[in-house]
Amino acid sequence: MAEHPLTLSVPEAGKRYFDLSRNASYAAAARGDIPTIKIGKLLRVPVRALDQMLEQPKAEVA
């Protein structure tokens, strides 16, 4: 059984989950659309938080 990573880089998470480019991934993270944690200078995306966010999408306000 292959181990799944607990975190992904911002570009990797953006590409894998939303098919976003590198720049679009960082822009989405800056807006808070992609959950991130900062470890020193490193910005990572916790896979569990991203999965939970996608399971319970927020209703958009028009």
C-alpha atoms as a PDB file:
ATOM      1  CA  MET A   1       0.000   0.000   0.000  1.00  0.00           C
ATOM      2  CA  ALA A   2       1.444   3.362  -1.028  1.00  0.00           C
ATOM      3  CA  GLU A   3       1.588   6.098   1.579  1.00  0.00           C
ATOM      4  CA  HIS A   4      -0.327   9.253   0.785  1.00  0.00           C
ATOM      5  CA  PRO A   5       1.300  12.575   1.671  1.00  0.00           C
ATOM      6  CA  LEU A   6      -0.252  14.602   4.485  1.00  0.00           C
ATOM      7  CA  THR A   7       0.589  17.876   2.744  1.00  0.00           C
ATOM      8  CA  LEU A   8       1.151  19.043  -0.825  1.00  0.00           C
ATOM      9  CA  SER A   9       2.877  22.057  -2.288  1.00  0.00           C
ATOM     10  CA  VAL A  10       0.525  24.847  -3.342  1.00  0.00           C
ATOM     11  CA  PRO A  11       1.126  24.303  -7.089  1.00  0.00           C
ATOM     12  CA  GLU A  12       0.721  20.527  -6.727  1.00  0.00           C
ATOM     13  CA  ALA A  13      -2.562  20.869  -4.802  1.00  0.00           C
ATOM     14  CA  GLY A  14      -3.895  23.463  -7.257  1.00  0.00           C
ATOM     15  CA  LYS A  15      -3.063  21.277 -10.241  1.00  0.00           C
ATOM     16  CA  ARG A  16      -4.241  17.981  -8.734  1.00  0.00           C
ATOM     17  CA  TYR A  17      -7.530  19.210  -7.251  1.00  0.00           C
ATOM     18  CA  PHE A  18      -8.519  22.139  -9.490  1.00  0.00           C
ATOM     19  CA  ASP A  19      -6.349  21.906 -12.644  1.00  0.00           C
ATOM     20  CA  LEU A  20      -4.860  25.324 -11.885  1.00  0.00           C
ATOM     21  CA  SER A  21      -1.554  26.743 -13.065  1.00  0.00           C
ATOM     22  CA  ARG A  22       1.211  27.571 -10.597  1.00  0.00           C
ATOM     23  CA  ASN A  23       0.309  31.276 -10.471  1.00  0.00           C
ATOM     24  CA  ALA A  24      -3.433  30.591 -10.197  1.00  0.00           C
ATOM     25  CA  SER A  25      -2.750  28.129  -7.359  1.00  0.00           C
ATOM     26  CA  TYR A  26      -0.819  30.714  -5.353  1.00  0.00           C
ATOM     27  CA  ALA A  27      -3.514  33.334  -6.056  1.00  0.00           C
ATOM     28  CA  ALA A  28      -6.220  30.940  -4.806  1.00  0.00           C
ATOM     29  CA  ALA A  29      -4.158  30.219  -1.677  1.00  0.00           C
ATOM     30  CA  ALA A  30      -3.701  33.963  -1.058  1.00  0.00           C
ATOM     31  CA  ARG A  31      -7.499  34.442  -1.290  1.00  0.00           C
ATOM     32  CA  GLY A  32      -8.067  31.568   1.125  1.00  0.00           C
ATOM     33  CA  ASP A  33      -9.702  29.354  -1.500  1.00  0.00           C
ATOM     34  CA  ILE A  34      -7.015  26.717  -0.939  1.00  0.00           C
ATOM     35  CA  PRO A  35      -6.273  26.066   2.774  1.00  0.00           C
ATOM     36  CA  THR A  36      -2.614  26.437   3.669  1.00  0.00           C
ATOM     37  CA  ILE A  37      -0.296  26.172   6.631  1.00  0.00           C
ATOM     38  CA  LYS A  38       3.044  27.931   6.900  1.00  0.00           C
ATOM     39  CA  ILE A  39       6.045  26.036   8.190  1.00  0.00           C
ATOM     40  CA  GLY A  40       8.878  28.530   8.421  1.00  0.00           C
ATOM     41  CA  LYS A  41       8.979  30.016   4.936  1.00  0.00           C
ATOM     42  CA  LEU A  42       7.340  26.957   3.382  1.00  0.00           C
ATOM     43  CA  LEU A  43       3.660  27.134   2.410  1.00  0.00           C
ATOM     44  CA  ARG A  44       1.936  23.738   2.346  1.00  0.00           C
ATOM     45  CA  VAL A  45      -1.606  22.505   1.746  1.00  0.00           C
ATOM     46  CA  PRO A  46      -2.910  19.952   4.276  1.00  0.00           C
ATOM     47  CA  VAL A  47      -4.641  17.241   2.245  1.00  0.00           C
ATOM     48  CA  ARG A  48      -7.162  16.469   5.003  1.00  0.00           C
ATOM     49  CA  ALA A  49      -8.288  20.121   5.243  1.00  0.00           C
ATOM     50  CA  LEU A  50      -8.618  20.349   1.462  1.00  0.00           C
ATOM     51  CA  ASP A  51     -10.675  17.142   1.335  1.00  0.00           C
ATOM     52  CA  GLN A  52     -12.957  18.392   4.138  1.00  0.00           C
ATOM     53  CA  MET A  53     -13.384  21.739   2.396  1.00  0.00           C
ATOM     54  CA  LEU A  54     -14.439  19.980  -0.813  1.00  0.00           C
ATOM     55  CA  GLU A  55     -16.885  17.706   1.031  1.00  0.00           C
ATOM     56  CA  GLN A  56     -18.683  20.717   2.550  1.00  0.00           C
ATOM     57  CA  PRO A  57     -18.651  23.470  -0.081  1.00  0.00           C
ATOM     58  CA  LYS A  58     -19.894  26.894   0.987  1.00  0.00           C
ATOM     59  CA  ALA A  59     -22.864  28.404  -0.780  1.00  0.00           C
ATOM     60  CA  GLU A  60     -21.799  31.325  -2.938  1.00  0.00           C
ATOM     61  CA  VAL A  61     -23.426  34.684  -2.317  1.00  0.00           C
ATOM     62  CA  ALA A  62     -24.519  36.490  -5.459  1.00  0.00           C
END
